[in-house]
PDB file of N, CA and C in Angstrom:
ATOM      1  N   VAL A   1       0.866  -1.151   0.000  1.00  0.00           N
ATOM      2  CA  VAL A   1       0.000   0.000   0.000  1.00  0.00           C
ATOM      3  C   VAL A   1       0.913   1.213   0.000  1.00  0.00           C
ATOM      4  N   THR A   2       0.672   2.155  -0.892  1.00  0.00           N
ATOM      5  CA  THR A   2       1.493   3.363  -0.954  1.00  0.00           C
ATOM      6  C   THR A   2       0.601   4.604  -0.900  1.00  0.00           C
ATOM      7  N   TRP A   3       1.196   5.695  -0.439  1.00  0.00           N
ATOM      8  CA  TRP A   3       0.484   6.970  -0.383  1.00  0.00           C
ATOM      9  C   TRP A   3       1.487   8.108  -0.455  1.00  0.00           C
ATOM     10  N   ASP A   4       0.972   9.289  -0.742  1.00  0.00           N
ATOM     11  CA  ASP A   4       1.774  10.506  -0.744  1.00  0.00           C
ATOM     12  C   ASP A   4       1.446  11.266   0.541  1.00  0.00           C
ATOM     13  N   PRO A   5       2.394  11.362   1.468  1.00  0.00           N
ATOM     14  CA  PRO A   5       2.104  12.005   2.746  1.00  0.00           C
ATOM     15  C   PRO A   5       1.949  13.521   2.674  1.00  0.00           C
ATOM     16  N   GLY A   6       2.338  14.123   1.550  1.00  0.00           N
ATOM     17  CA  GLY A   6       2.289  15.577   1.461  1.00  0.00           C
ATOM     18  C   GLY A   6       3.109  16.188   2.586  1.00  0.00           C
ATOM     19  N   ASP A   7       2.537  17.170   3.284  1.00  0.00           N
ATOM     20  CA  ASP A   7       3.240  17.834   4.382  1.00  0.00           C
ATOM     21  C   ASP A   7       2.996  17.160   5.724  1.00  0.00           C
ATOM     22  N   PHE A   8       2.158  16.124   5.748  1.00  0.00           N
ATOM     23  CA  PHE A   8       1.824  15.477   7.014  1.00  0.00           C
ATOM     24  C   PHE A   8       2.929  14.511   7.410  1.00  0.00           C
ATOM     25  N   SER A   9       3.376  14.584   8.670  1.00  0.00           N
ATOM     26  CA  SER A   9       4.462  13.708   9.103  1.00  0.00           C
ATOM     27  C   SER A   9       4.115  12.872  10.333  1.00  0.00           C
ATOM     28  N   GLY A  10       2.897  13.018  10.845  1.00  0.00           N
ATOM     29  CA  GLY A  10       2.506  12.272  12.036  1.00  0.00           C
ATOM     30  C   GLY A  10       2.197  10.814  11.730  1.00  0.00           C
ATOM     31  N   PRO A  11       1.810  10.055  12.739  1.00  0.00           N
ATOM     32  CA  PRO A  11       1.477   8.642  12.544  1.00  0.00           C
ATOM     33  C   PRO A  11       0.094   8.467  11.914  1.00  0.00           C
ATOM     34  N   VAL A  12      -0.039   7.405  11.124  1.00  0.00           N
ATOM     35  CA  VAL A  12      -1.303   7.105  10.444  1.00  0.00           C
ATOM     36  C   VAL A  12      -1.701   5.658  10.678  1.00  0.00           C
ATOM     37  N   ARG A  13      -2.957   5.364  10.373  1.00  0.00           N
ATOM     38  CA  ARG A  13      -3.456   3.988  10.416  1.00  0.00           C
ATOM     39  C   ARG A  13      -4.091   3.666   9.071  1.00  0.00           C
ATOM     40  N   LEU A  14      -4.102   2.381   8.746  1.00  0.00           N
ATOM     41  CA  LEU A  14      -4.752   1.885   7.540  1.00  0.00           C
ATOM     42  C   LEU A  14      -5.946   1.043   7.965  1.00  0.00           C
ATOM     43  N   ILE A  15      -7.100   1.303   7.353  1.00  0.00           N
ATOM     44  CA  ILE A  15      -8.330   0.616   7.721  1.00  0.00           C
ATOM     45  C   ILE A  15      -8.960   0.027   6.454  1.00  0.00           C
ATOM     46  N   LEU A  16      -9.371  -1.227   6.539  1.00  0.00           N
ATOM     47  CA  LEU A  16      -9.970  -1.917   5.400  1.00  0.00           C
ATOM     48  C   LEU A  16     -11.490  -1.786   5.444  1.00  0.00           C
ATOM     49  N   PHE A  17     -12.079  -1.459   4.286  1.00  0.00           N
ATOM     50  CA  PHE A  17     -13.528  -1.354   4.123  1.00  0.00           C
ATOM     51  C   PHE A  17     -13.976  -2.261   2.984  1.00  0.00           C
ATOM     52  N   ARG A  18     -15.210  -2.699   3.068  1.00  0.00           N
ATOM     53  CA  ARG A  18     -15.824  -3.423   1.960  1.00  0.00           C
ATOM     54  C   ARG A  18     -17.225  -2.875   1.756  1.00  0.00           C
ATOM     55  N   ASN A  19     -17.477  -2.413   0.545  1.00  0.00           N
ATOM     56  CA  ASN A  19     -18.761  -1.801   0.190  1.00  0.00           C
ATOM     57  C   ASN A  19     -19.134  -0.702   1.181  1.00  0.00           C
ATOM     58  N   GLY A  20     -18.129   0.084   1.585  1.00  0.00           N
ATOM     59  CA  GLY A  20     -18.345   1.210   2.479  1.00  0.00           C
ATOM     60  C   GLY A  20     -18.472   0.869   3.946  1.00  0.00           C
ATOM     61  N   VAL A  21     -18.377  -0.408   4.298  1.00  0.00           N
ATOM     62  CA  VAL A  21     -18.500  -0.848   5.690  1.00  0.00           C
ATOM     63  C   VAL A  21     -17.112  -1.172   6.242  1.00  0.00           C
ATOM     64  N   LYS A  22     -16.799  -0.594   7.390  1.00  0.00           N
ATOM     65  CA  LYS A  22     -15.492  -0.828   8.008  1.00  0.00           C
ATOM     66  C   LYS A  22     -15.371  -2.273   8.462  1.00  0.00           C
ATOM     67  N   LEU A  23     -14.287  -2.938   8.008  1.00  0.00           N
ATOM     68  CA  LEU A  23     -13.997  -4.302   8.449  1.00  0.00           C
ATOM     69  C   LEU A  23     -13.054  -4.284   9.650  1.00  0.00           C
ATOM     70  N   GLY A  24     -12.010  -3.469   9.578  1.00  0.00           N
ATOM     71  CA  GLY A  24     -11.061  -3.403  10.677  1.00  0.00           C
ATOM     72  C   GLY A  24      -9.746  -2.808  10.254  1.00  0.00           C
ATOM     73  N   GLU A  25      -8.888  -2.667  11.235  1.00  0.00           N
ATOM     74  CA  GLU A  25      -7.605  -2.034  11.049  1.00  0.00           C
ATOM     75  C   GLU A  25      -6.582  -2.989  10.431  1.00  0.00           C
ATOM     76  N   ILE A  26      -5.867  -2.476   9.456  1.00  0.00           N
ATOM     77  CA  ILE A  26      -4.767  -3.220   8.833  1.00  0.00           C
ATOM     78  C   ILE A  26      -3.487  -2.974   9.640  1.00  0.00           C
ATOM     79  N   ALA A  27      -3.244  -1.720   9.976  1.00  0.00           N
ATOM     80  CA  ALA A  27      -2.049  -1.335  10.734  1.00  0.00           C
ATOM     81  C   ALA A  27      -2.276   0.031  11.357  1.00  0.00           C
ATOM     82  N   ASN A  28      -1.533   0.327  12.435  1.00  0.00           N
ATOM     83  CA  ASN A  28      -1.634   1.662  13.022  1.00  0.00           C
ATOM     84  C   ASN A  28      -0.272   2.168  13.450  1.00  0.00           C
ATOM     85  N   SER A  29      -0.239   3.442  13.754  1.00  0.00           N
ATOM     86  CA  SER A  29       0.987   4.125  14.188  1.00  0.00           C
ATOM     87  C   SER A  29       2.127   4.022  13.177  1.00  0.00           C
ATOM     88  N   LEU A  30       1.771   4.052  11.886  1.00  0.00           N
ATOM     89  CA  LEU A  30       2.783   4.051  10.831  1.00  0.00           C
ATOM     90  C   LEU A  30       3.251   5.481  10.596  1.00  0.00           C
ATOM     91  N   PRO A  31       4.528   5.709  10.409  1.00  0.00           N
ATOM     92  CA  PRO A  31       4.991   7.066  10.082  1.00  0.00           C
ATOM     93  C   PRO A  31       4.481   7.469   8.697  1.00  0.00           C
ATOM     94  N   ALA A  32       3.704   8.539   8.629  1.00  0.00           N
ATOM     95  CA  ALA A  32       3.140   8.975   7.344  1.00  0.00           C
ATOM     96  C   ALA A  32       4.233   9.211   6.312  1.00  0.00           C
ATOM     97  N   ALA A  33       5.360   9.750   6.762  1.00  0.00           N
ATOM     98  CA  ALA A  33       6.454  10.076   5.844  1.00  0.00           C
ATOM     99  C   ALA A  33       7.008   8.849   5.121  1.00  0.00           C
ATOM    100  N   ASP A  34       6.800   7.644   5.665  1.00  0.00           N
ATOM    101  CA  ASP A  34       7.279   6.431   4.990  1.00  0.00           C
ATOM    102  C   ASP A  34       6.609   6.253   3.635  1.00  0.00           C
ATOM    103  N   GLY A  35       5.341   6.617   3.525  1.00  0.00           N
ATOM    104  CA  GLY A  35       4.633   6.558   2.250  1.00  0.00           C
ATOM    105  C   GLY A  35       4.280   5.170   1.768  1.00  0.00           C
ATOM    106  N   SER A  36       4.524   4.131   2.585  1.00  0.00           N
ATOM    107  CA  SER A  36       4.156   2.785   2.148  1.00  0.00           C
ATOM    108  C   SER A  36       4.080   1.830   3.337  1.00  0.00           C
ATOM    109  N   TYR A  37       3.388   0.713   3.097  1.00  0.00           N
ATOM    110  CA  TYR A  37       3.267  -0.342   4.098  1.00  0.00           C
ATOM    111  C   TYR A  37       3.179  -1.668   3.353  1.00  0.00           C
ATOM    112  N   ALA A  38       3.976  -2.648   3.758  1.00  0.00           N
ATOM    113  CA  ALA A  38       3.958  -3.981   3.144  1.00  0.00           C
ATOM    114  C   ALA A  38       2.817  -4.777   3.774  1.00  0.00           C
ATOM    115  N   TRP A  39       1.682  -4.770   3.116  1.00  0.00           N
ATOM    116  CA  TRP A  39       0.464  -5.408   3.612  1.00  0.00           C
ATOM    117  C   TRP A  39       0.401  -6.857   3.162  1.00  0.00           C
ATOM    118  N   THR A  40       0.124  -7.766   4.083  1.00  0.00           N
ATOM    119  CA  THR A  40      -0.211  -9.136   3.712  1.00  0.00           C
ATOM    120  C   THR A  40      -1.661  -9.059   3.261  1.00  0.00           C
ATOM    121  N   VAL A  41      -1.861  -9.088   1.970  1.00  0.00           N
ATOM    122  CA  VAL A  41      -3.164  -8.800   1.366  1.00  0.00           C
ATOM    123  C   VAL A  41      -4.273  -9.630   1.996  1.00  0.00           C
ATOM    124  N   GLY A  42      -5.308  -8.904   2.410  1.00  0.00           N
ATOM    125  CA  GLY A  42      -6.482  -9.532   3.004  1.00  0.00           C
ATOM    126  C   GLY A  42      -6.462  -9.573   4.516  1.00  0.00           C
ATOM    127  N   GLN A  43      -5.303  -9.365   5.131  1.00  0.00           N
ATOM    128  CA  GLN A  43      -5.197  -9.444   6.590  1.00  0.00           C
ATOM    129  C   GLN A  43      -5.635  -8.135   7.238  1.00  0.00           C
ATOM    130  N   TYR A  44      -6.457  -8.241   8.280  1.00  0.00           N
ATOM    131  CA  TYR A  44      -6.876  -7.072   9.050  1.00  0.00           C
ATOM    132  C   TYR A  44      -7.332  -7.535  10.424  1.00  0.00           C
ATOM    133  N   ALA A  45      -6.979  -6.805  11.436  1.00  0.00           N
ATOM    134  CA  ALA A  45      -7.440  -7.042  12.814  1.00  0.00           C
ATOM    135  C   ALA A  45      -7.478  -8.525  13.198  1.00  0.00           C
ATOM    136  N   GLY A  46      -6.440  -9.283  12.820  1.00  0.00           N
ATOM    137  CA  GLY A  46      -6.369 -10.703  13.170  1.00  0.00           C
ATOM    138  C   GLY A  46      -7.281 -11.600  12.355  1.00  0.00           C
ATOM    139  N   LYS A  47      -7.843 -11.071  11.270  1.00  0.00           N
ATOM    140  CA  LYS A  47      -8.749 -11.838  10.418  1.00  0.00           C
ATOM    141  C   LYS A  47      -8.260 -11.786   8.982  1.00  0.00           C
ATOM    142  N   THR A  48      -8.927 -12.560   8.120  1.00  0.00           N
ATOM    143  CA  THR A  48      -8.628 -12.535   6.694  1.00  0.00           C
ATOM    144  C   THR A  48      -9.900 -12.229   5.928  1.00  0.00           C
ATOM    145  N   ALA A  49      -9.852 -11.205   5.092  1.00  0.00           N
ATOM    146  CA  ALA A  49     -11.006 -10.823   4.277  1.00  0.00           C
ATOM    147  C   ALA A  49     -11.251 -11.879   3.201  1.00  0.00           C
ATOM    148  N   PRO A  50     -12.519 -12.181   2.903  1.00  0.00           N
ATOM    149  CA  PRO A  50     -12.822 -13.151   1.862  1.00  0.00           C
ATOM    150  C   PRO A  50     -12.572 -12.576   0.466  1.00  0.00           C
ATOM    151  N   ALA A  51     -12.375 -13.462  -0.482  1.00  0.00           N
ATOM    152  CA  ALA A  51     -12.234 -13.038  -1.875  1.00  0.00           C
ATOM    153  C   ALA A  51     -13.502 -12.313  -2.291  1.00  0.00           C
ATOM    154  N   GLY A  52     -13.342 -11.340  -3.163  1.00  0.00           N
ATOM    155  CA  GLY A  52     -14.497 -10.602  -3.662  1.00  0.00           C
ATOM    156  C   GLY A  52     -14.116  -9.187  -4.042  1.00  0.00           C
ATOM    157  N   SER A  53     -15.132  -8.397  -4.356  1.00  0.00           N
ATOM    158  CA  SER A  53     -14.911  -7.032  -4.822  1.00  0.00           C
ATOM    159  C   SER A  53     -15.455  -6.025  -3.817  1.00  0.00           C
ATOM    160  N   GLY A  54     -15.283  -4.742  -4.140  1.00  0.00           N
ATOM    161  CA  GLY A  54     -15.820  -3.673  -3.325  1.00  0.00           C
ATOM    162  C   GLY A  54     -14.939  -3.225  -2.176  1.00  0.00           C
ATOM    163  N   TYR A  55     -13.657  -3.583  -2.194  1.00  0.00           N
ATOM    164  CA  TYR A  55     -12.749  -3.220  -1.109  1.00  0.00           C
ATOM    165  C   TYR A  55     -12.126  -1.838  -1.323  1.00  0.00           C
ATOM    166  N   SER A  56     -11.834  -1.158  -0.217  1.00  0.00           N
ATOM    167  CA  SER A  56     -11.085   0.089  -0.236  1.00  0.00           C
ATOM    168  C   SER A  56     -10.296   0.180   1.067  1.00  0.00           C
ATOM    169  N   ILE A  57      -9.313   1.056   1.064  1.00  0.00           N
ATOM    170  CA  ILE A  57      -8.496   1.287   2.251  1.00  0.00           C
ATOM    171  C   ILE A  57      -8.567   2.765   2.595  1.00  0.00           C
ATOM    172  N   ARG A  58      -8.747   3.054   3.881  1.00  0.00           N
ATOM    173  CA  ARG A  58      -8.704   4.435   4.349  1.00  0.00           C
ATOM    174  C   ARG A  58      -7.395   4.637   5.093  1.00  0.00           C
ATOM    175  N   LEU A  59      -6.715   5.700   4.748  1.00  0.00           N
ATOM    176  CA  LEU A  59      -5.510   6.147   5.451  1.00  0.00           C
ATOM    177  C   LEU A  59      -5.965   7.295   6.338  1.00  0.00           C
ATOM    178  N   ARG A  60      -5.741   7.172   7.643  1.00  0.00           N
ATOM    179  CA  ARG A  60      -6.241   8.182   8.578  1.00  0.00           C
ATOM    180  C   ARG A  60      -5.155   8.554   9.572  1.00  0.00           C
ATOM    181  N   ALA A  61      -5.003   9.861   9.796  1.00  0.00           N
ATOM    182  CA  ALA A  61      -4.067  10.334  10.815  1.00  0.00           C
ATOM    183  C   ALA A  61      -4.530   9.801  12.166  1.00  0.00           C
ATOM    184  N   MET A  62      -3.600   9.370  13.008  1.00  0.00           N
ATOM    185  CA  MET A  62      -3.948   8.832  14.324  1.00  0.00           C
ATOM    186  C   MET A  62      -4.716   9.857  15.159  1.00  0.00           C
ATOM    187  N   ASP A  63      -4.470  11.148  14.934  1.00  0.00           N
ATOM    188  CA  ASP A  63      -5.186  12.177  15.688  1.00  0.00           C
ATOM    189  C   ASP A  63      -6.508  12.562  15.028  1.00  0.00           C
ATOM    190  N   GLY A  64      -6.858  11.897  13.911  1.00  0.00           N
ATOM    191  CA  GLY A  64      -8.123  12.144  13.232  1.00  0.00           C
ATOM    192  C   GLY A  64      -8.173  13.423  12.419  1.00  0.00           C
ATOM    193  N   SER A  65      -7.059  14.122  12.293  1.00  0.00           N
ATOM    194  CA  SER A  65      -7.050  15.412  11.607  1.00  0.00           C
ATOM    195  C   SER A  65      -7.138  15.309  10.083  1.00  0.00           C
ATOM    196  N   GLN A  66      -6.750  14.164   9.522  1.00  0.00           N
ATOM    197  CA  GLN A  66      -6.747  13.998   8.068  1.00  0.00           C
ATOM    198  C   GLN A  66      -7.067  12.555   7.720  1.00  0.00           C
ATOM    199  N   GLU A  67      -7.691  12.378   6.550  1.00  0.00           N
ATOM    200  CA  GLU A  67      -7.938  11.025   6.060  1.00  0.00           C
ATOM    201  C   GLU A  67      -8.152  11.047   4.564  1.00  0.00           C
ATOM    202  N   ASP A  68      -7.972   9.886   3.950  1.00  0.00           N
ATOM    203  CA  ASP A  68      -8.175   9.742   2.517  1.00  0.00           C
ATOM    204  C   ASP A  68      -8.456   8.273   2.239  1.00  0.00           C
ATOM    205  N   TYR A  69      -9.223   8.021   1.175  1.00  0.00           N
ATOM    206  CA  TYR A  69      -9.555   6.658   0.757  1.00  0.00           C
ATOM    207  C   TYR A  69      -8.789   6.282  -0.506  1.00  0.00           C
ATOM    208  N   SER A  70      -8.744   4.994  -0.787  1.00  0.00           N
ATOM    209  CA  SER A  70      -8.175   4.489  -2.030  1.00  0.00           C
ATOM    210  C   SER A  70      -8.783   5.272  -3.194  1.00  0.00           C
ATOM    211  N   ASP A  71      -8.004   5.431  -4.252  1.00  0.00           N
ATOM    212  CA  ASP A  71      -8.513   6.129  -5.437  1.00  0.00           C
ATOM    213  C   ASP A  71      -9.605   5.330  -6.143  1.00  0.00           C
ATOM    214  N   ALA A  72      -9.583   4.008  -5.994  1.00  0.00           N
ATOM    215  CA  ALA A  72     -10.588   3.164  -6.648  1.00  0.00           C
ATOM    216  C   ALA A  72     -10.822   1.922  -5.790  1.00  0.00           C
ATOM    217  N   LEU A  73     -11.986   1.317  -5.981  1.00  0.00           N
ATOM    218  CA  LEU A  73     -12.275   0.048  -5.305  1.00  0.00           C
ATOM    219  C   LEU A  73     -11.389  -1.033  -5.901  1.00  0.00           C
ATOM    220  N   PHE A  74     -11.131  -2.091  -5.138  1.00  0.00           N
ATOM    221  CA  PHE A  74     -10.330  -3.197  -5.650  1.00  0.00           C
ATOM    222  C   PHE A  74     -10.943  -4.520  -5.205  1.00  0.00           C
ATOM    223  N   SER A  75     -10.457  -5.588  -5.792  1.00  0.00           N
ATOM    224  CA  SER A  75     -10.935  -6.939  -5.481  1.00  0.00           C
ATOM    225  C   SER A  75      -9.821  -7.751  -4.852  1.00  0.00           C
ATOM    226  N   LEU A  76     -10.198  -8.713  -4.045  1.00  0.00           N
ATOM    227  CA  LEU A  76      -9.270  -9.696  -3.486  1.00  0.00           C
ATOM    228  C   LEU A  76      -9.562 -11.035  -4.111  1.00  0.00           C
ATOM    229  N   ALA A  77      -8.526 -11.774  -4.463  1.00  0.00           N
ATOM    230  CA  ALA A  77      -8.686 -13.110  -5.048  1.00  0.00           C
ATOM    231  C   ALA A  77      -8.029 -14.144  -4.149  1.00  0.00           C
ATOM    232  N   ASN A  78      -8.496 -15.380  -4.237  1.00  0.00           N
ATOM    233  CA  ASN A  78      -7.887 -16.477  -3.468  1.00  0.00           C
ATOM    234  C   ASN A  78      -6.543 -16.826  -4.022  1.00  0.00           C
TER     235      ASN A  78
END
């Protein structure tokens, strides 16, 4: 997962959604300036998302001051 941190340098979290419904956290307290996270695809909050479509990821500042979603929906395959 990659992102452009812009001027933001605080910690961020990645959250997985499906069809607009929050599934759970992928990771938290990541340095925004890193601009990437090596995600084990489908893993979130100790669970594994099922194959299918309608997925998105939200990148959110830990302090809630900023957030952004994936540019497009994506699918997971087995």
